[in-house]
N, C-alpha and C. Protein backbone atom coordinates (compact mmCIF):
# COMPACT_ATOMS: atom_id res chain seq x y z
N MET A 1 83.91 111.76 63.38
CA MET A 1 84.55 112.36 62.25
C MET A 1 86.02 112.55 62.60
N THR A 2 86.89 112.02 61.76
CA THR A 2 88.32 112.12 62.02
C THR A 2 88.83 113.48 61.57
N SER A 3 90.02 113.81 62.02
CA SER A 3 90.59 115.11 61.67
C SER A 3 90.89 115.18 60.17
N ARG A 4 91.20 114.06 59.58
CA ARG A 4 91.45 114.04 58.14
C ARG A 4 90.18 114.40 57.38
N ASN A 5 89.04 113.84 57.83
CA ASN A 5 87.77 114.15 57.18
C ASN A 5 87.38 115.61 57.39
N VAL A 6 87.66 116.15 58.58
CA VAL A 6 87.34 117.55 58.85
C VAL A 6 88.15 118.45 57.94
N CYS A 7 89.42 118.13 57.75
CA CYS A 7 90.26 118.93 56.85
C CYS A 7 89.75 118.87 55.41
N ARG A 8 89.31 117.70 54.99
CA ARG A 8 88.79 117.56 53.63
C ARG A 8 87.52 118.40 53.44
N VAL A 9 86.61 118.32 54.43
CA VAL A 9 85.37 119.09 54.34
C VAL A 9 85.67 120.58 54.32
N ALA A 10 86.60 121.02 55.15
CA ALA A 10 86.96 122.44 55.19
C ALA A 10 87.56 122.88 53.86
N LEU A 11 88.44 122.08 53.29
CA LEU A 11 89.06 122.42 52.02
C LEU A 11 88.03 122.47 50.91
N ILE A 12 87.12 121.52 50.89
CA ILE A 12 86.07 121.51 49.86
C ILE A 12 85.20 122.76 50.00
N GLY A 13 84.84 123.11 51.23
CA GLY A 13 84.03 124.30 51.44
C GLY A 13 84.74 125.56 51.00
N LEU A 14 86.02 125.68 51.32
CA LEU A 14 86.80 126.85 50.93
C LEU A 14 86.93 126.95 49.42
N LEU A 15 87.17 125.82 48.76
CA LEU A 15 87.27 125.83 47.30
C LEU A 15 85.93 126.18 46.65
N CYS A 16 84.84 125.69 47.21
CA CYS A 16 83.51 126.02 46.66
C CYS A 16 83.25 127.51 46.74
N VAL A 17 83.58 128.12 47.88
CA VAL A 17 83.38 129.56 48.02
C VAL A 17 84.28 130.33 47.06
N ALA A 18 85.52 129.91 46.96
CA ALA A 18 86.47 130.63 46.12
C ALA A 18 86.14 130.50 44.64
N LEU A 19 85.68 129.35 44.21
CA LEU A 19 85.44 129.12 42.79
C LEU A 19 84.04 129.49 42.32
N SER A 20 83.13 129.74 43.23
CA SER A 20 81.75 130.01 42.82
C SER A 20 81.47 131.49 42.57
N THR A 21 82.36 132.37 42.94
CA THR A 21 82.13 133.80 42.74
C THR A 21 82.91 134.29 41.52
N PRO A 22 82.27 135.07 40.65
CA PRO A 22 83.00 135.61 39.49
C PRO A 22 83.97 136.70 39.93
N ALA A 23 85.08 136.78 39.27
CA ALA A 23 86.10 137.77 39.62
C ALA A 23 86.05 138.92 38.64
N ASN A 24 85.77 140.12 39.12
CA ASN A 24 85.82 141.35 38.32
C ASN A 24 87.03 142.13 38.79
N ALA A 25 87.63 142.87 37.87
CA ALA A 25 88.86 143.60 38.19
C ALA A 25 88.63 144.63 39.29
N ASP A 26 87.46 145.25 39.33
CA ASP A 26 87.22 146.28 40.33
C ASP A 26 86.80 145.69 41.68
N GLN A 27 86.55 144.41 41.75
CA GLN A 27 86.10 143.81 43.00
C GLN A 27 87.11 142.82 43.58
N LEU A 28 88.34 142.87 43.11
CA LEU A 28 89.35 141.93 43.60
C LEU A 28 89.62 142.09 45.09
N GLN A 29 89.64 143.33 45.59
CA GLN A 29 89.91 143.55 47.01
C GLN A 29 88.78 142.99 47.88
N SER A 30 87.53 143.22 47.48
CA SER A 30 86.42 142.69 48.28
C SER A 30 86.38 141.17 48.22
N ASP A 31 86.75 140.59 47.08
CA ASP A 31 86.83 139.13 46.98
C ASP A 31 87.93 138.59 47.88
N ALA A 32 89.05 139.30 47.94
CA ALA A 32 90.14 138.88 48.81
C ALA A 32 89.72 138.97 50.27
N ASP A 33 88.97 140.01 50.62
CA ASP A 33 88.48 140.15 52.00
C ASP A 33 87.52 139.02 52.35
N ARG A 34 86.63 138.69 51.43
CA ARG A 34 85.70 137.58 51.67
C ARG A 34 86.44 136.25 51.80
N GLY A 35 87.45 136.06 50.96
CA GLY A 35 88.26 134.84 51.04
C GLY A 35 88.99 134.72 52.36
N LEU A 36 89.53 135.84 52.82
CA LEU A 36 90.20 135.86 54.11
C LEU A 36 89.23 135.55 55.24
N ALA A 37 88.04 136.14 55.19
CA ALA A 37 87.03 135.88 56.21
C ALA A 37 86.61 134.41 56.20
N ALA A 38 86.47 133.86 55.01
CA ALA A 38 86.10 132.45 54.91
C ALA A 38 87.21 131.56 55.46
N ALA A 39 88.46 131.90 55.17
CA ALA A 39 89.58 131.11 55.68
C ALA A 39 89.65 131.18 57.20
N ILE A 40 89.42 132.36 57.77
CA ILE A 40 89.41 132.50 59.23
C ILE A 40 88.28 131.68 59.83
N ALA A 41 87.11 131.71 59.19
CA ALA A 41 85.98 130.92 59.69
C ALA A 41 86.28 129.42 59.64
N VAL A 42 86.92 128.97 58.58
CA VAL A 42 87.27 127.55 58.45
C VAL A 42 88.27 127.15 59.53
N VAL A 43 89.26 127.98 59.77
CA VAL A 43 90.25 127.68 60.80
C VAL A 43 89.59 127.63 62.17
N ALA A 44 88.67 128.57 62.44
CA ALA A 44 87.97 128.56 63.72
C ALA A 44 87.14 127.29 63.90
N VAL A 45 86.47 126.86 62.85
CA VAL A 45 85.68 125.62 62.91
C VAL A 45 86.60 124.43 63.15
N LEU A 46 87.72 124.38 62.47
CA LEU A 46 88.67 123.28 62.66
C LEU A 46 89.20 123.23 64.09
N VAL A 47 89.49 124.37 64.67
CA VAL A 47 89.98 124.40 66.04
C VAL A 47 88.92 123.89 67.01
N VAL A 48 87.68 124.34 66.84
CA VAL A 48 86.60 123.90 67.72
C VAL A 48 86.37 122.40 67.59
N VAL A 49 86.33 121.90 66.37
CA VAL A 49 86.10 120.46 66.16
C VAL A 49 87.25 119.65 66.75
N THR A 50 88.47 120.10 66.58
CA THR A 50 89.62 119.39 67.14
C THR A 50 89.57 119.35 68.65
N VAL A 51 89.25 120.47 69.28
CA VAL A 51 89.16 120.50 70.74
C VAL A 51 88.07 119.56 71.24
N VAL A 52 86.92 119.57 70.58
CA VAL A 52 85.82 118.69 70.99
C VAL A 52 86.22 117.23 70.83
N LEU A 53 86.86 116.87 69.74
CA LEU A 53 87.27 115.48 69.53
C LEU A 53 88.31 115.04 70.55
N ILE A 54 89.25 115.90 70.87
CA ILE A 54 90.28 115.55 71.86
C ILE A 54 89.66 115.37 73.24
N ARG A 55 88.76 116.27 73.62
CA ARG A 55 88.11 116.14 74.93
C ARG A 55 87.27 114.87 75.01
N GLN A 56 86.56 114.56 73.93
CA GLN A 56 85.73 113.35 73.90
C GLN A 56 86.60 112.10 74.01
N ALA A 57 87.71 112.09 73.28
CA ALA A 57 88.58 110.92 73.30
C ALA A 57 89.24 110.74 74.67
N SER A 58 89.54 111.83 75.35
CA SER A 58 90.23 111.70 76.63
C SER A 58 89.28 111.38 77.78
N SER A 59 87.98 111.56 77.59
CA SER A 59 87.06 111.30 78.69
C SER A 59 86.47 109.89 78.65
N HIS A 60 86.63 109.17 77.57
CA HIS A 60 86.14 107.79 77.45
C HIS A 60 87.29 106.89 77.03
N ARG A 61 87.38 105.74 77.65
CA ARG A 61 88.44 104.79 77.32
C ARG A 61 87.89 103.38 77.28
N THR A 62 88.56 102.57 76.50
CA THR A 62 88.32 101.13 76.50
C THR A 62 89.62 100.50 76.96
N VAL A 63 89.53 99.70 78.03
CA VAL A 63 90.73 99.13 78.64
C VAL A 63 90.56 97.62 78.72
N THR A 64 91.60 96.88 78.36
CA THR A 64 91.65 95.43 78.52
C THR A 64 92.71 95.12 79.55
N GLY A 65 92.34 94.28 80.52
CA GLY A 65 93.30 93.91 81.55
C GLY A 65 92.70 92.96 82.56
N CYS A 66 93.47 92.71 83.61
CA CYS A 66 93.07 91.78 84.65
C CYS A 66 92.49 92.54 85.84
N VAL A 67 91.44 91.96 86.42
CA VAL A 67 90.74 92.57 87.54
C VAL A 67 91.23 91.93 88.84
N VAL A 68 91.52 92.78 89.83
CA VAL A 68 91.88 92.31 91.17
C VAL A 68 91.04 93.06 92.18
N SER A 69 90.92 92.48 93.35
CA SER A 69 90.16 93.11 94.41
C SER A 69 91.07 93.31 95.62
N ASN A 70 90.97 94.48 96.26
CA ASN A 70 91.70 94.73 97.49
C ASN A 70 90.87 95.65 98.38
N GLN A 71 91.46 96.18 99.43
CA GLN A 71 90.71 96.99 100.37
C GLN A 71 90.22 98.30 99.75
N ASP A 72 90.84 98.76 98.66
CA ASP A 72 90.41 99.99 97.99
C ASP A 72 89.25 99.77 97.03
N GLY A 73 88.90 98.53 96.78
CA GLY A 73 87.82 98.22 95.85
C GLY A 73 88.30 97.33 94.73
N ILE A 74 87.66 97.46 93.58
CA ILE A 74 88.02 96.65 92.41
C ILE A 74 88.98 97.45 91.54
N LEU A 75 90.14 96.86 91.25
CA LEU A 75 91.17 97.50 90.45
C LEU A 75 91.38 96.72 89.17
N MET A 76 91.82 97.41 88.12
CA MET A 76 92.12 96.76 86.85
C MET A 76 93.44 97.30 86.34
N THR A 77 94.33 96.39 85.96
CA THR A 77 95.62 96.78 85.40
C THR A 77 95.56 96.63 83.88
N SER A 78 95.82 97.71 83.18
CA SER A 78 95.78 97.70 81.72
C SER A 78 96.93 96.87 81.16
N GLU A 79 96.64 96.06 80.17
CA GLU A 79 97.70 95.27 79.52
C GLU A 79 98.61 96.15 78.67
N LYS A 80 98.05 97.19 78.10
CA LYS A 80 98.80 98.02 77.15
C LYS A 80 99.85 98.88 77.85
N ASP A 81 99.44 99.65 78.85
CA ASP A 81 100.38 100.59 79.47
C ASP A 81 100.61 100.32 80.96
N LYS A 82 100.08 99.23 81.48
CA LYS A 82 100.28 98.81 82.88
C LYS A 82 99.76 99.83 83.90
N ARG A 83 98.83 100.72 83.49
CA ARG A 83 98.21 101.65 84.42
C ARG A 83 97.15 100.92 85.23
N VAL A 84 96.97 101.36 86.47
CA VAL A 84 95.98 100.75 87.36
C VAL A 84 94.77 101.68 87.43
N TYR A 85 93.59 101.13 87.15
CA TYR A 85 92.34 101.88 87.19
C TYR A 85 91.49 101.35 88.33
N ARG A 86 90.96 102.26 89.15
CA ARG A 86 90.02 101.85 90.18
C ARG A 86 88.63 101.96 89.57
N LEU A 87 87.91 100.85 89.56
CA LEU A 87 86.62 100.79 88.89
C LEU A 87 85.50 101.14 89.85
N SER A 88 84.54 101.90 89.36
CA SER A 88 83.33 102.19 90.11
C SER A 88 82.17 102.11 89.14
N GLY A 89 80.97 102.31 89.63
CA GLY A 89 79.80 102.24 88.76
C GLY A 89 79.33 100.80 88.61
N ASP A 90 78.98 100.41 87.39
CA ASP A 90 78.45 99.07 87.12
C ASP A 90 79.60 98.07 86.99
N THR A 91 80.02 97.52 88.12
CA THR A 91 81.11 96.55 88.12
C THR A 91 80.59 95.13 88.32
N SER A 92 79.31 94.91 88.04
CA SER A 92 78.74 93.58 88.27
C SER A 92 79.38 92.52 87.38
N GLY A 93 79.84 92.88 86.20
CA GLY A 93 80.47 91.91 85.31
C GLY A 93 81.96 91.75 85.54
N ALA A 94 82.53 92.56 86.43
CA ALA A 94 83.97 92.51 86.68
C ALA A 94 84.24 91.67 87.92
N LYS A 95 84.73 90.46 87.71
CA LYS A 95 85.04 89.55 88.82
C LYS A 95 86.55 89.46 88.98
N PRO A 96 87.04 89.47 90.23
CA PRO A 96 88.49 89.36 90.44
C PRO A 96 89.06 88.09 89.80
N GLY A 97 90.22 88.24 89.17
CA GLY A 97 90.87 87.13 88.51
C GLY A 97 90.48 86.96 87.06
N GLU A 98 89.58 87.79 86.56
CA GLU A 98 89.13 87.69 85.17
C GLU A 98 89.85 88.71 84.30
N ARG A 99 90.02 88.36 83.03
CA ARG A 99 90.59 89.27 82.04
C ARG A 99 89.42 89.82 81.23
N LEU A 100 89.25 91.16 81.24
CA LEU A 100 88.08 91.79 80.64
C LEU A 100 88.47 92.97 79.76
N THR A 101 87.53 93.35 78.91
CA THR A 101 87.59 94.63 78.23
C THR A 101 86.41 95.44 78.74
N VAL A 102 86.68 96.61 79.30
CA VAL A 102 85.63 97.45 79.85
C VAL A 102 85.68 98.85 79.22
N HIS A 103 84.53 99.48 79.18
CA HIS A 103 84.43 100.87 78.73
C HIS A 103 84.36 101.74 79.97
N LEU A 104 85.23 102.75 80.03
CA LEU A 104 85.32 103.61 81.19
C LEU A 104 85.01 105.06 80.82
N LYS A 105 84.42 105.76 81.78
CA LYS A 105 84.11 107.17 81.62
C LYS A 105 84.78 107.92 82.76
N LYS A 106 85.49 108.99 82.44
CA LYS A 106 86.20 109.76 83.45
C LYS A 106 85.19 110.54 84.29
N ILE A 107 85.33 110.43 85.60
CA ILE A 107 84.48 111.20 86.52
C ILE A 107 85.37 111.90 87.53
N LYS A 108 84.93 113.01 88.02
CA LYS A 108 85.68 113.74 89.04
C LYS A 108 85.04 113.44 90.39
N THR A 109 85.86 113.03 91.34
CA THR A 109 85.35 112.71 92.66
C THR A 109 85.17 113.99 93.46
N LYS A 110 84.14 114.01 94.29
CA LYS A 110 83.86 115.19 95.09
C LYS A 110 84.87 115.30 96.23
N GLY A 111 85.29 116.52 96.49
CA GLY A 111 86.18 116.77 97.61
C GLY A 111 87.65 116.51 97.34
N SER A 112 88.00 116.06 96.14
CA SER A 112 89.42 115.85 95.84
C SER A 112 89.67 116.15 94.37
N ASN A 113 90.92 116.27 94.04
CA ASN A 113 91.30 116.55 92.65
C ASN A 113 91.65 115.28 91.89
N THR A 114 91.45 114.11 92.48
CA THR A 114 91.79 112.87 91.79
C THR A 114 90.71 112.51 90.78
N VAL A 115 91.11 111.81 89.76
CA VAL A 115 90.20 111.37 88.71
C VAL A 115 89.88 109.91 88.92
N ALA A 116 88.60 109.58 88.86
CA ALA A 116 88.16 108.19 88.97
C ALA A 116 87.54 107.78 87.64
N TRP A 117 87.40 106.47 87.47
CA TRP A 117 86.84 105.94 86.23
C TRP A 117 85.61 105.13 86.56
N GLU A 118 84.50 105.48 85.92
CA GLU A 118 83.25 104.77 86.11
C GLU A 118 83.09 103.74 85.00
N THR A 119 82.82 102.50 85.38
CA THR A 119 82.62 101.45 84.40
C THR A 119 81.24 101.60 83.80
N THR A 120 81.19 101.79 82.49
CA THR A 120 79.90 101.94 81.83
C THR A 120 79.44 100.64 81.19
N LYS A 121 80.39 99.77 80.82
CA LYS A 121 80.00 98.52 80.16
C LYS A 121 81.18 97.55 80.16
N VAL A 122 80.87 96.28 80.44
CA VAL A 122 81.87 95.22 80.27
C VAL A 122 81.56 94.58 78.92
N SER A 123 82.47 94.77 77.95
CA SER A 123 82.16 94.32 76.60
C SER A 123 82.64 92.93 76.27
N LYS A 124 83.79 92.49 76.84
CA LYS A 124 84.29 91.15 76.54
C LYS A 124 84.86 90.53 77.80
N ASP A 125 84.61 89.25 77.95
CA ASP A 125 85.18 88.49 79.06
C ASP A 125 86.07 87.42 78.43
N PHE A 126 87.38 87.52 78.68
CA PHE A 126 88.33 86.60 78.08
C PHE A 126 88.66 85.41 78.98
N GLY A 127 87.97 85.30 80.10
CA GLY A 127 88.25 84.19 81.02
C GLY A 127 89.25 84.60 82.10
N ALA A 128 89.92 83.60 82.65
CA ALA A 128 90.85 83.84 83.76
C ALA A 128 92.11 84.54 83.26
N CYS A 129 92.71 85.32 84.16
CA CYS A 129 93.97 86.00 83.86
C CYS A 129 95.09 84.98 83.79
N PRO A 130 96.08 85.22 82.92
CA PRO A 130 97.24 84.31 82.89
C PRO A 130 98.06 84.47 84.17
N PRO A 131 98.70 83.42 84.59
CA PRO A 131 99.49 83.50 85.83
C PRO A 131 100.72 84.36 85.70
């Protein structure tokens, strides 16, 4: 669910609550209190959904690039931002010299604060890397 869709759902819900209750002159204050509570609840839901979506997006990546092998293991250089990723996990489809698209999952290595990327799937093999 995109943030645009979340905003639409929240707005529709807020309008439904606001328009479905009859307004009496003696109950305007309580209606205003309920409207404020509903608005606070909608904002809280939006914040939680946004945080969850951002965390999910930052922990999984799809990277296209060339695979090389060295003493540190199998490395992949992203075509888009030229970042180097050290691949671990299921690297059976990643052969040095090949241009691939892989799905990566962020993992924390034990004993250090560095972030590693676990290969979860090799989705496309584009053949040999250009020279």
